[in-house]
């Protein structure tokens, strides 16, 4: 019987088989539960992109075939701490890395709208998928999920000239003054730039007193 076409939201034995095949290739590290959830979607997308396929997250005949062909495990990168980026030096990052350099990477991806998860300094599947989406958006970058000098440069280029360099909703969502004390200073600076009438209008909306 032919393998069914699967996509996010699917459940059942076929999804379990999919997750097992992805795990054998080290693209799926979550529990095998037979549910095509967000973690499964990201794993499928990364696998498809690693094979030069369209990373749409839909498991059709070509994806099933690629998963079953030469079904051997792909080595998982050894986790390694990374130093904080300093002027003139930005480390090459890939899945498994962690530390301040990854935190900076996630912030840059967030500012450009390619990352919407928690900024945690861990280069996992979600961060890798965000990097690959950013790389795919640029003709001058190789879509491999590895953050080299070219990717760092592209992430930083014209970052200050973007129409919307930061999303204030995400500023609130990821506000952590203990880990990132500079956030408080930045918000206080922004508050000083606003007209009191704007702040009053914001306060009324915040309290749902329009």
N, C-alpha and C. Protein backbone atom coordinates (compact mmCIF):
# COMPACT_ATOMS: atom_id res chain seq x y z
N UNK A 1 0.85 -1.18 0.00
CA UNK A 1 0.00 0.00 0.00
C UNK A 1 0.89 1.24 0.00
N UNK A 2 0.53 2.24 -0.78
CA UNK A 2 1.33 3.46 -0.90
C UNK A 2 1.30 4.25 0.40
N UNK A 3 2.42 4.92 0.68
CA UNK A 3 2.48 5.77 1.86
C UNK A 3 1.55 6.96 1.68
N UNK A 4 0.80 7.33 2.72
CA UNK A 4 -0.13 8.45 2.59
C UNK A 4 0.62 9.79 2.60
N UNK A 5 0.02 10.78 2.01
CA UNK A 5 0.56 12.14 2.09
C UNK A 5 0.22 12.71 3.46
N UNK A 6 1.25 13.20 4.15
CA UNK A 6 1.07 13.69 5.51
C UNK A 6 1.43 15.18 5.59
N UNK A 7 0.76 15.87 6.49
CA UNK A 7 1.07 17.27 6.75
C UNK A 7 0.66 17.57 8.18
N UNK A 8 0.99 18.80 8.64
CA UNK A 8 0.75 19.15 10.03
C UNK A 8 -0.72 18.95 10.40
N UNK A 9 -0.93 18.29 11.55
CA UNK A 9 -2.27 18.00 12.02
C UNK A 9 -2.64 16.54 11.87
N UNK A 10 -1.89 15.81 11.02
CA UNK A 10 -2.18 14.39 10.81
C UNK A 10 -1.79 13.58 12.07
N UNK A 11 -2.42 12.44 12.24
CA UNK A 11 -2.13 11.54 13.36
C UNK A 11 -2.20 10.10 12.88
N UNK A 12 -1.67 9.20 13.69
CA UNK A 12 -1.81 7.78 13.41
C UNK A 12 -0.49 7.07 13.16
N UNK A 13 -0.58 5.78 12.79
CA UNK A 13 0.62 4.95 12.59
C UNK A 13 1.58 5.49 11.53
N UNK A 14 1.04 6.07 10.46
CA UNK A 14 1.91 6.58 9.41
C UNK A 14 2.79 7.71 9.93
N UNK A 15 2.23 8.51 10.83
CA UNK A 15 3.02 9.61 11.41
C UNK A 15 4.11 9.04 12.30
N UNK A 16 3.79 7.97 13.03
CA UNK A 16 4.81 7.32 13.86
C UNK A 16 5.95 6.80 13.00
N UNK A 17 5.60 6.19 11.87
CA UNK A 17 6.63 5.69 10.95
C UNK A 17 7.49 6.85 10.44
N UNK A 18 6.84 7.95 10.10
CA UNK A 18 7.56 9.14 9.65
C UNK A 18 8.53 9.61 10.72
N UNK A 19 8.06 9.71 11.95
CA UNK A 19 8.92 10.17 13.03
C UNK A 19 10.09 9.22 13.28
N UNK A 20 9.85 7.92 13.14
CA UNK A 20 10.92 6.94 13.32
C UNK A 20 11.99 7.09 12.23
N UNK A 21 11.54 7.31 10.99
CA UNK A 21 12.49 7.49 9.89
C UNK A 21 13.30 8.77 10.08
N UNK A 22 12.63 9.83 10.52
CA UNK A 22 13.33 11.08 10.79
C UNK A 22 14.31 10.92 11.95
N UNK A 23 13.91 10.17 12.96
CA UNK A 23 14.81 9.96 14.10
C UNK A 23 16.03 9.15 13.68
N UNK A 24 15.83 8.15 12.82
CA UNK A 24 16.97 7.36 12.34
C UNK A 24 18.01 8.22 11.65
N UNK A 25 17.53 9.31 11.06
CA UNK A 25 18.44 10.22 10.37
C UNK A 25 18.84 11.40 11.23
N UNK A 26 18.45 11.37 12.50
CA UNK A 26 18.79 12.40 13.48
C UNK A 26 18.19 13.77 13.14
N UNK A 27 17.03 13.75 12.47
CA UNK A 27 16.34 15.01 12.22
C UNK A 27 15.18 15.21 13.19
N UNK A 28 14.89 14.19 14.00
CA UNK A 28 13.77 14.28 14.93
C UNK A 28 14.24 13.79 16.29
N UNK A 29 14.21 14.70 17.28
CA UNK A 29 14.73 14.36 18.60
C UNK A 29 13.64 14.37 19.67
N UNK A 30 12.39 14.62 19.28
CA UNK A 30 11.29 14.62 20.24
C UNK A 30 10.74 13.21 20.41
N UNK A 31 9.72 13.07 21.25
CA UNK A 31 9.13 11.76 21.48
C UNK A 31 8.29 11.33 20.28
N UNK A 32 8.32 10.05 19.96
CA UNK A 32 7.52 9.50 18.87
C UNK A 32 6.10 9.29 19.39
N UNK A 33 5.18 10.13 18.93
CA UNK A 33 3.83 10.11 19.49
C UNK A 33 2.73 9.94 18.44
N UNK A 34 3.13 9.86 17.15
CA UNK A 34 2.13 9.68 16.11
C UNK A 34 1.32 10.93 15.82
N UNK A 35 1.82 12.10 16.25
CA UNK A 35 1.13 13.37 16.02
C UNK A 35 2.03 14.27 15.18
N UNK A 36 1.54 14.73 14.06
CA UNK A 36 2.31 15.61 13.18
C UNK A 36 2.22 17.03 13.74
N UNK A 37 3.04 17.31 14.75
CA UNK A 37 2.99 18.59 15.43
C UNK A 37 4.05 19.54 14.87
N UNK A 38 4.28 20.66 15.57
CA UNK A 38 5.23 21.66 15.09
C UNK A 38 6.64 21.10 15.03
N UNK A 39 7.01 20.29 16.02
CA UNK A 39 8.34 19.70 16.03
C UNK A 39 8.55 18.78 14.83
N UNK A 40 7.52 18.00 14.51
CA UNK A 40 7.60 17.11 13.34
C UNK A 40 7.67 17.92 12.06
N UNK A 41 6.89 18.99 11.99
CA UNK A 41 6.91 19.85 10.80
C UNK A 41 8.31 20.43 10.56
N UNK A 42 8.93 20.94 11.63
CA UNK A 42 10.27 21.53 11.48
C UNK A 42 11.27 20.46 11.05
N UNK A 43 11.15 19.25 11.60
CA UNK A 43 12.07 18.17 11.24
C UNK A 43 11.92 17.78 9.78
N UNK A 44 10.67 17.68 9.31
CA UNK A 44 10.42 17.34 7.91
C UNK A 44 11.00 18.42 7.00
N UNK A 45 10.74 19.68 7.34
CA UNK A 45 11.22 20.79 6.52
C UNK A 45 12.74 20.79 6.42
N UNK A 46 13.41 20.59 7.55
CA UNK A 46 14.87 20.56 7.54
C UNK A 46 15.40 19.39 6.71
N UNK A 47 14.75 18.23 6.83
CA UNK A 47 15.17 17.07 6.04
C UNK A 47 15.01 17.36 4.56
N UNK A 48 13.86 17.92 4.18
CA UNK A 48 13.62 18.22 2.77
C UNK A 48 14.67 19.19 2.23
N UNK A 49 14.97 20.24 2.99
CA UNK A 49 15.94 21.23 2.55
C UNK A 49 17.34 20.64 2.46
N UNK A 50 17.64 19.68 3.36
CA UNK A 50 18.97 19.06 3.33
C UNK A 50 19.15 18.18 2.09
N UNK A 51 18.04 17.80 1.46
CA UNK A 51 18.09 16.96 0.25
C UNK A 51 17.83 17.77 -1.01
N UNK A 52 17.81 19.10 -0.87
CA UNK A 52 17.58 19.95 -2.03
C UNK A 52 16.15 19.96 -2.50
N UNK A 53 15.24 19.54 -1.64
CA UNK A 53 13.83 19.51 -1.98
C UNK A 53 13.16 20.79 -1.51
N UNK A 54 11.94 21.02 -1.98
CA UNK A 54 11.17 22.16 -1.50
C UNK A 54 10.77 21.91 -0.05
N UNK A 55 11.18 22.80 0.84
CA UNK A 55 10.90 22.60 2.26
C UNK A 55 9.51 23.08 2.64
N UNK A 56 8.49 22.35 2.21
CA UNK A 56 7.12 22.77 2.47
C UNK A 56 6.48 22.01 3.63
N UNK A 57 7.20 21.01 4.19
CA UNK A 57 6.66 20.27 5.32
C UNK A 57 5.60 19.25 4.98
N UNK A 58 5.31 19.09 3.69
CA UNK A 58 4.32 18.09 3.25
C UNK A 58 5.06 16.82 2.84
N UNK A 59 4.67 15.70 3.43
CA UNK A 59 5.36 14.43 3.17
C UNK A 59 4.62 13.67 2.08
N UNK A 60 5.12 13.83 0.86
CA UNK A 60 4.55 13.13 -0.28
C UNK A 60 5.47 12.01 -0.74
N UNK A 61 5.22 11.44 -1.92
CA UNK A 61 6.02 10.30 -2.40
C UNK A 61 7.52 10.57 -2.45
N UNK A 62 7.93 11.77 -2.90
CA UNK A 62 9.36 12.05 -3.02
C UNK A 62 10.02 12.12 -1.65
N UNK A 63 9.33 12.67 -0.66
CA UNK A 63 9.90 12.74 0.70
C UNK A 63 9.97 11.36 1.32
N UNK A 64 8.91 10.57 1.17
CA UNK A 64 8.94 9.19 1.68
C UNK A 64 10.11 8.43 1.05
N UNK A 65 10.28 8.58 -0.27
CA UNK A 65 11.35 7.86 -0.96
C UNK A 65 12.72 8.28 -0.43
N UNK A 66 12.91 9.58 -0.23
CA UNK A 66 14.19 10.06 0.27
C UNK A 66 14.46 9.57 1.69
N UNK A 67 13.40 9.48 2.49
CA UNK A 67 13.56 9.00 3.86
C UNK A 67 13.92 7.52 3.90
N UNK A 68 13.36 6.75 2.96
CA UNK A 68 13.58 5.30 2.98
C UNK A 68 14.85 4.88 2.24
N UNK A 69 15.39 5.76 1.40
CA UNK A 69 16.58 5.41 0.61
C UNK A 69 17.83 5.57 1.44
N UNK A 70 18.61 4.48 1.54
CA UNK A 70 19.85 4.55 2.31
C UNK A 70 19.59 5.01 3.71
N UNK A 71 18.67 4.37 4.38
CA UNK A 71 18.21 4.81 5.69
C UNK A 71 19.27 4.59 6.76
N UNK A 72 20.24 5.48 6.78
CA UNK A 72 21.29 5.43 7.80
C UNK A 72 21.28 6.73 8.57
N UNK A 73 21.71 6.66 9.80
CA UNK A 73 21.67 7.83 10.66
C UNK A 73 22.69 8.87 10.22
N UNK A 74 22.26 10.12 10.29
CA UNK A 74 23.17 11.23 10.03
C UNK A 74 23.75 11.70 11.36
N UNK A 75 25.05 11.83 11.48
CA UNK A 75 25.64 12.21 12.76
C UNK A 75 25.08 13.53 13.27
N UNK A 76 24.84 13.59 14.57
CA UNK A 76 24.39 14.81 15.20
C UNK A 76 25.58 15.65 15.61
N UNK A 77 25.61 16.96 15.28
CA UNK A 77 26.72 17.79 15.69
C UNK A 77 26.90 17.78 17.20
N UNK A 78 28.12 17.70 17.67
CA UNK A 78 28.40 17.69 19.10
C UNK A 78 28.14 19.07 19.68
N UNK A 79 27.29 19.18 20.71
CA UNK A 79 27.04 20.49 21.30
C UNK A 79 28.34 21.11 21.79
N UNK A 80 28.48 22.39 21.56
CA UNK A 80 29.70 23.05 22.00
C UNK A 80 29.38 24.49 22.34
N UNK A 81 29.94 25.00 23.44
CA UNK A 81 29.72 26.40 23.79
C UNK A 81 30.42 27.31 22.81
N UNK A 82 29.87 28.50 22.62
CA UNK A 82 30.46 29.46 21.71
C UNK A 82 30.77 30.75 22.44
N UNK A 83 31.85 31.42 22.10
CA UNK A 83 32.17 32.69 22.74
C UNK A 83 31.24 33.80 22.29
N UNK A 84 31.19 34.85 23.08
CA UNK A 84 30.40 36.00 22.71
C UNK A 84 31.04 36.71 21.53
N UNK A 85 30.23 37.14 20.54
CA UNK A 85 30.82 37.82 19.39
C UNK A 85 31.44 39.15 19.80
N UNK A 86 32.59 39.44 19.30
CA UNK A 86 33.28 40.69 19.56
C UNK A 86 33.66 41.28 18.21
N UNK A 87 33.95 42.60 18.16
CA UNK A 87 34.31 43.22 16.89
C UNK A 87 35.45 42.48 16.21
N UNK A 88 35.24 42.16 14.93
CA UNK A 88 36.28 41.49 14.16
C UNK A 88 36.25 39.98 14.28
N UNK A 89 35.38 39.43 15.17
CA UNK A 89 35.32 37.98 15.31
C UNK A 89 33.90 37.54 15.58
N UNK A 90 33.37 36.73 14.70
CA UNK A 90 32.06 36.15 14.90
C UNK A 90 32.17 34.68 14.57
N UNK A 91 31.96 33.80 15.54
CA UNK A 91 32.20 32.37 15.34
C UNK A 91 31.23 31.74 14.36
N UNK A 92 31.69 30.70 13.69
CA UNK A 92 30.81 29.92 12.83
C UNK A 92 29.90 29.08 13.71
N UNK A 93 28.60 29.19 13.49
CA UNK A 93 27.62 28.50 14.32
C UNK A 93 26.83 27.50 13.51
N UNK A 94 26.46 26.40 14.15
CA UNK A 94 25.60 25.40 13.53
C UNK A 94 24.80 24.72 14.64
N UNK A 95 23.89 23.84 14.24
CA UNK A 95 23.03 23.17 15.22
C UNK A 95 23.87 22.47 16.29
N UNK A 96 23.52 22.68 17.56
CA UNK A 96 24.26 22.13 18.68
C UNK A 96 25.05 23.17 19.43
N UNK A 97 25.28 24.33 18.81
CA UNK A 97 26.03 25.40 19.48
C UNK A 97 25.16 26.05 20.55
N UNK A 98 25.81 26.74 21.48
CA UNK A 98 25.08 27.46 22.52
C UNK A 98 25.94 28.59 23.03
N UNK A 99 25.32 29.52 23.74
CA UNK A 99 26.07 30.61 24.33
C UNK A 99 25.66 31.97 23.82
N UNK A 100 26.38 33.03 24.23
CA UNK A 100 26.04 34.40 23.87
C UNK A 100 25.99 34.65 22.37
N UNK A 101 26.87 33.99 21.60
CA UNK A 101 26.87 34.20 20.15
C UNK A 101 25.56 33.73 19.54
N UNK A 102 25.01 32.63 20.05
CA UNK A 102 23.73 32.13 19.55
C UNK A 102 22.61 33.08 19.95
N UNK A 103 22.70 33.62 21.17
CA UNK A 103 21.72 34.62 21.61
C UNK A 103 21.71 35.81 20.67
N UNK A 104 22.89 36.30 20.29
CA UNK A 104 22.99 37.41 19.36
C UNK A 104 22.40 37.04 18.00
N UNK A 105 22.67 35.82 17.55
CA UNK A 105 22.11 35.34 16.29
C UNK A 105 20.58 35.37 16.34
N UNK A 106 20.01 34.85 17.41
CA UNK A 106 18.56 34.80 17.53
C UNK A 106 17.96 36.20 17.56
N UNK A 107 18.64 37.15 18.20
CA UNK A 107 18.15 38.53 18.22
C UNK A 107 18.13 39.13 16.82
N UNK A 108 19.19 38.88 16.06
CA UNK A 108 19.25 39.42 14.70
C UNK A 108 18.16 38.80 13.83
N UNK A 109 17.95 37.49 13.97
CA UNK A 109 16.89 36.84 13.21
C UNK A 109 15.52 37.36 13.62
N UNK A 110 15.34 37.60 14.92
CA UNK A 110 14.08 38.14 15.42
C UNK A 110 13.82 39.53 14.84
N UNK A 111 14.86 40.36 14.81
CA UNK A 111 14.72 41.72 14.29
C UNK A 111 14.32 41.73 12.83
N UNK A 112 14.72 40.69 12.09
CA UNK A 112 14.39 40.62 10.67
C UNK A 112 13.12 39.81 10.40
N UNK A 113 12.49 39.32 11.46
CA UNK A 113 11.22 38.61 11.29
C UNK A 113 11.35 37.15 10.91
N UNK A 114 12.54 36.55 11.09
CA UNK A 114 12.73 35.15 10.72
C UNK A 114 12.72 34.22 11.93
N UNK A 115 12.60 34.76 13.14
CA UNK A 115 12.66 33.94 14.35
C UNK A 115 11.57 34.40 15.29
N UNK A 116 10.76 33.45 15.79
CA UNK A 116 9.64 33.81 16.65
C UNK A 116 9.59 32.95 17.91
N UNK A 117 10.66 32.26 18.22
CA UNK A 117 10.70 31.43 19.42
C UNK A 117 11.41 32.18 20.55
N UNK A 118 11.61 31.49 21.67
CA UNK A 118 12.28 32.09 22.81
C UNK A 118 13.77 32.30 22.52
N UNK A 119 14.29 33.44 22.92
CA UNK A 119 15.72 33.70 22.79
C UNK A 119 16.40 33.03 23.98
N UNK A 120 17.01 31.88 23.72
CA UNK A 120 17.56 31.08 24.82
C UNK A 120 19.03 30.73 24.65
N UNK A 121 19.66 31.19 23.55
CA UNK A 121 21.08 30.91 23.36
C UNK A 121 21.37 29.47 22.97
N UNK A 122 20.35 28.72 22.55
CA UNK A 122 20.53 27.32 22.15
C UNK A 122 20.23 27.18 20.66
N UNK A 123 21.18 26.67 19.90
CA UNK A 123 21.03 26.52 18.45
C UNK A 123 20.38 25.16 18.18
N UNK A 124 19.06 25.12 18.29
CA UNK A 124 18.32 23.88 18.05
C UNK A 124 17.70 23.86 16.67
N UNK A 125 16.72 22.96 16.49
CA UNK A 125 16.07 22.82 15.20
C UNK A 125 15.36 24.10 14.79
N UNK A 126 14.70 24.77 15.75
CA UNK A 126 13.97 25.98 15.43
C UNK A 126 14.88 27.09 14.94
N UNK A 127 16.03 27.26 15.61
CA UNK A 127 16.98 28.28 15.19
C UNK A 127 17.56 27.93 13.82
N UNK A 128 17.88 26.65 13.61
CA UNK A 128 18.41 26.24 12.32
C UNK A 128 17.41 26.51 11.19
N UNK A 129 16.13 26.21 11.46
CA UNK A 129 15.10 26.46 10.44
C UNK A 129 15.01 27.96 10.13
N UNK A 130 15.13 28.80 11.17
CA UNK A 130 15.08 30.25 10.96
C UNK A 130 16.27 30.73 10.13
N UNK A 131 17.46 30.19 10.43
CA UNK A 131 18.65 30.55 9.66
C UNK A 131 18.47 30.17 8.20
N UNK A 132 17.93 28.98 7.96
CA UNK A 132 17.77 28.51 6.58
C UNK A 132 16.72 29.34 5.84
N UNK A 133 15.68 29.77 6.55
CA UNK A 133 14.69 30.64 5.91
C UNK A 133 15.33 31.97 5.52
N UNK A 134 16.17 32.51 6.42
CA UNK A 134 16.85 33.76 6.10
C UNK A 134 17.80 33.58 4.93
N UNK A 135 18.57 32.50 4.95
CA UNK A 135 19.51 32.24 3.86
C UNK A 135 18.78 32.07 2.53
N UNK A 136 17.62 31.41 2.57
CA UNK A 136 16.84 31.20 1.35
C UNK A 136 16.33 32.51 0.77
N UNK A 137 16.19 33.52 1.63
CA UNK A 137 15.68 34.81 1.17
C UNK A 137 16.76 35.64 0.48
N UNK A 138 18.01 35.15 0.51
CA UNK A 138 19.13 35.89 -0.07
C UNK A 138 19.79 35.07 -1.17
N UNK A 139 20.01 35.69 -2.31
CA UNK A 139 20.66 34.99 -3.41
C UNK A 139 22.15 34.80 -3.17
N UNK A 140 22.73 35.60 -2.27
CA UNK A 140 24.17 35.55 -2.06
C UNK A 140 24.59 34.60 -0.96
N UNK A 141 23.63 33.84 -0.39
CA UNK A 141 23.96 32.94 0.71
C UNK A 141 23.65 31.49 0.34
N UNK A 142 24.42 30.59 0.94
CA UNK A 142 24.17 29.15 0.78
C UNK A 142 23.19 28.70 1.84
N UNK A 143 22.12 28.04 1.42
CA UNK A 143 21.07 27.61 2.34
C UNK A 143 21.46 26.28 3.00
N UNK A 144 22.32 26.37 4.03
CA UNK A 144 22.79 25.16 4.70
C UNK A 144 22.61 25.20 6.21
N UNK A 145 22.05 26.28 6.75
CA UNK A 145 21.82 26.36 8.19
C UNK A 145 23.05 26.66 9.00
N UNK A 146 24.18 26.90 8.34
CA UNK A 146 25.43 27.21 9.03
C UNK A 146 25.67 28.72 8.97
N UNK A 147 25.91 29.30 10.12
CA UNK A 147 26.10 30.75 10.19
C UNK A 147 27.59 31.06 10.09
N UNK A 148 28.02 31.39 8.87
CA UNK A 148 29.42 31.73 8.64
C UNK A 148 29.56 33.24 8.52
N UNK A 149 30.73 33.72 8.11
CA UNK A 149 30.98 35.15 8.02
C UNK A 149 30.00 35.85 7.08
N UNK A 150 29.66 35.19 5.96
CA UNK A 150 28.74 35.79 5.00
C UNK A 150 27.34 35.95 5.58
N UNK A 151 26.90 34.94 6.33
CA UNK A 151 25.57 35.02 6.93
C UNK A 151 25.54 36.08 8.03
N UNK A 152 26.58 36.13 8.87
CA UNK A 152 26.66 37.19 9.88
C UNK A 152 26.57 38.56 9.22
N UNK A 153 27.34 38.75 8.16
CA UNK A 153 27.38 40.05 7.47
C UNK A 153 26.00 40.42 6.92
N UNK A 154 25.33 39.43 6.32
CA UNK A 154 24.01 39.69 5.75
C UNK A 154 22.99 40.02 6.84
N UNK A 155 23.10 39.34 7.98
CA UNK A 155 22.19 39.60 9.09
C UNK A 155 22.36 41.01 9.64
N UNK A 156 23.60 41.49 9.63
CA UNK A 156 23.88 42.81 10.20
C UNK A 156 23.71 43.95 9.20
N UNK A 157 23.74 43.64 7.91
CA UNK A 157 23.69 44.70 6.91
C UNK A 157 22.36 45.44 6.93
N UNK A 158 22.46 46.75 6.99
CA UNK A 158 21.30 47.64 6.96
C UNK A 158 20.28 47.35 8.05
N UNK A 159 20.74 46.70 9.15
CA UNK A 159 19.80 46.36 10.21
C UNK A 159 19.22 47.62 10.85
N UNK A 160 20.00 48.67 10.84
CA UNK A 160 19.51 49.90 11.45
C UNK A 160 18.62 50.71 10.54
N UNK A 161 18.55 50.33 9.25
CA UNK A 161 17.77 51.11 8.29
C UNK A 161 16.46 50.45 7.91
N UNK A 162 16.12 49.34 8.58
CA UNK A 162 14.87 48.67 8.25
C UNK A 162 13.68 49.50 8.71
N UNK A 163 12.58 49.40 7.96
CA UNK A 163 11.38 50.15 8.33
C UNK A 163 10.88 49.76 9.71
N UNK A 164 10.97 48.47 10.03
CA UNK A 164 10.51 48.00 11.33
C UNK A 164 11.55 47.05 11.90
N UNK A 165 12.62 47.58 12.51
CA UNK A 165 13.72 46.73 12.94
C UNK A 165 13.40 45.87 14.15
N UNK A 166 12.30 46.20 14.87
CA UNK A 166 11.98 45.41 16.05
C UNK A 166 10.48 45.43 16.27
N UNK A 167 9.96 44.34 16.75
CA UNK A 167 8.53 44.20 17.02
C UNK A 167 8.30 44.41 18.51
N UNK A 168 7.54 45.44 18.88
CA UNK A 168 7.35 45.75 20.30
C UNK A 168 6.60 44.66 21.04
N UNK A 169 5.77 43.89 20.32
CA UNK A 169 5.10 42.76 20.98
C UNK A 169 6.14 41.74 21.44
N UNK A 170 7.14 41.49 20.60
CA UNK A 170 8.19 40.57 20.99
C UNK A 170 9.08 41.15 22.08
N UNK A 171 9.22 42.47 22.10
CA UNK A 171 9.97 43.12 23.18
C UNK A 171 9.32 42.79 24.52
N UNK A 172 7.99 42.87 24.56
CA UNK A 172 7.27 42.54 25.80
C UNK A 172 7.36 41.05 26.10
N UNK A 173 7.22 40.25 25.07
CA UNK A 173 7.19 38.80 25.24
C UNK A 173 8.51 38.27 25.80
N UNK A 174 9.62 38.85 25.34
CA UNK A 174 10.92 38.33 25.73
C UNK A 174 11.65 39.24 26.71
N UNK A 175 10.90 40.10 27.42
CA UNK A 175 11.51 41.00 28.37
C UNK A 175 12.04 40.21 29.57
N UNK A 176 13.34 40.33 29.82
CA UNK A 176 13.98 39.60 30.91
C UNK A 176 15.11 40.49 31.46
N UNK A 177 14.79 41.41 32.37
CA UNK A 177 15.79 42.37 32.85
C UNK A 177 16.92 41.75 33.66
N UNK A 178 16.73 40.52 34.12
CA UNK A 178 17.80 39.87 34.88
C UNK A 178 18.88 39.35 33.92
N UNK A 179 18.45 38.65 32.87
CA UNK A 179 19.42 38.13 31.91
C UNK A 179 19.94 39.22 30.98
N UNK A 180 19.06 40.21 30.65
CA UNK A 180 19.43 41.24 29.69
C UNK A 180 19.10 42.62 30.26
N UNK A 181 19.95 43.13 31.15
CA UNK A 181 19.65 44.42 31.81
C UNK A 181 19.56 45.59 30.86
N UNK A 182 20.15 45.48 29.65
CA UNK A 182 20.09 46.58 28.69
C UNK A 182 18.67 46.81 28.19
N UNK A 183 17.79 45.81 28.32
CA UNK A 183 16.42 45.96 27.82
C UNK A 183 15.69 47.08 28.56
N UNK A 184 15.92 47.17 29.87
CA UNK A 184 15.26 48.22 30.65
C UNK A 184 15.71 49.60 30.18
N UNK A 185 17.01 49.77 29.97
CA UNK A 185 17.53 51.06 29.50
C UNK A 185 16.93 51.43 28.14
N UNK A 186 16.80 50.41 27.25
CA UNK A 186 16.26 50.68 25.92
C UNK A 186 14.80 51.11 25.99
N UNK A 187 14.01 50.45 26.85
CA UNK A 187 12.60 50.81 26.98
C UNK A 187 12.45 52.19 27.61
N UNK A 188 13.29 52.49 28.61
CA UNK A 188 13.22 53.81 29.24
C UNK A 188 13.60 54.90 28.23
N UNK A 189 14.58 54.60 27.37
CA UNK A 189 14.94 55.56 26.34
C UNK A 189 13.77 55.80 25.39
N UNK A 190 13.11 54.72 24.98
CA UNK A 190 11.98 54.85 24.08
C UNK A 190 10.87 55.67 24.72
N UNK A 191 10.63 55.44 26.00
CA UNK A 191 9.57 56.17 26.71
C UNK A 191 9.84 57.67 26.71
N UNK A 192 11.11 58.05 26.84
CA UNK A 192 11.46 59.48 26.87
C UNK A 192 11.26 60.15 25.51
N UNK A 193 11.24 59.34 24.43
CA UNK A 193 11.07 59.91 23.09
C UNK A 193 9.62 60.17 22.74
N UNK A 194 8.70 59.58 23.52
CA UNK A 194 7.29 59.65 23.16
C UNK A 194 6.60 60.84 23.81
N UNK A 195 5.68 61.42 23.08
CA UNK A 195 4.88 62.52 23.60
C UNK A 195 3.97 61.98 24.71
N UNK A 196 3.77 62.75 25.79
CA UNK A 196 2.91 62.28 26.89
C UNK A 196 1.52 61.85 26.43
N UNK A 197 0.98 62.51 25.40
CA UNK A 197 -0.34 62.14 24.91
C UNK A 197 -0.34 60.74 24.30
N UNK A 198 0.79 60.38 23.66
CA UNK A 198 0.91 59.04 23.08
C UNK A 198 0.95 58.00 24.20
N UNK A 199 1.72 58.29 25.25
CA UNK A 199 1.80 57.37 26.37
C UNK A 199 0.45 57.23 27.07
N UNK A 200 -0.30 58.36 27.16
CA UNK A 200 -1.62 58.31 27.78
C UNK A 200 -2.56 57.44 26.97
N UNK A 201 -2.51 57.59 25.63
CA UNK A 201 -3.34 56.75 24.78
C UNK A 201 -2.97 55.29 24.89
N UNK A 202 -1.67 55.01 24.97
CA UNK A 202 -1.22 53.63 25.13
C UNK A 202 -1.72 53.06 26.45
N UNK A 203 -1.64 53.85 27.54
CA UNK A 203 -2.08 53.37 28.86
C UNK A 203 -3.57 53.05 28.85
N UNK A 204 -4.37 53.91 28.19
CA UNK A 204 -5.82 53.65 28.13
C UNK A 204 -6.13 52.37 27.38
N UNK A 205 -5.41 52.14 26.28
CA UNK A 205 -5.63 50.91 25.51
C UNK A 205 -5.14 49.70 26.28
N UNK A 206 -4.03 49.86 26.99
CA UNK A 206 -3.49 48.76 27.80
C UNK A 206 -4.51 48.32 28.85
N UNK A 207 -5.24 49.31 29.40
CA UNK A 207 -6.25 48.99 30.42
C UNK A 207 -7.62 48.74 29.80
N UNK A 208 -7.69 48.74 28.46
CA UNK A 208 -8.94 48.54 27.75
C UNK A 208 -9.97 49.60 28.12
N UNK A 209 -9.47 50.88 28.16
CA UNK A 209 -10.34 52.00 28.51
C UNK A 209 -10.45 52.96 27.33
N UNK A 210 -10.61 52.44 26.13
CA UNK A 210 -10.63 53.30 24.94
C UNK A 210 -11.77 54.32 25.06
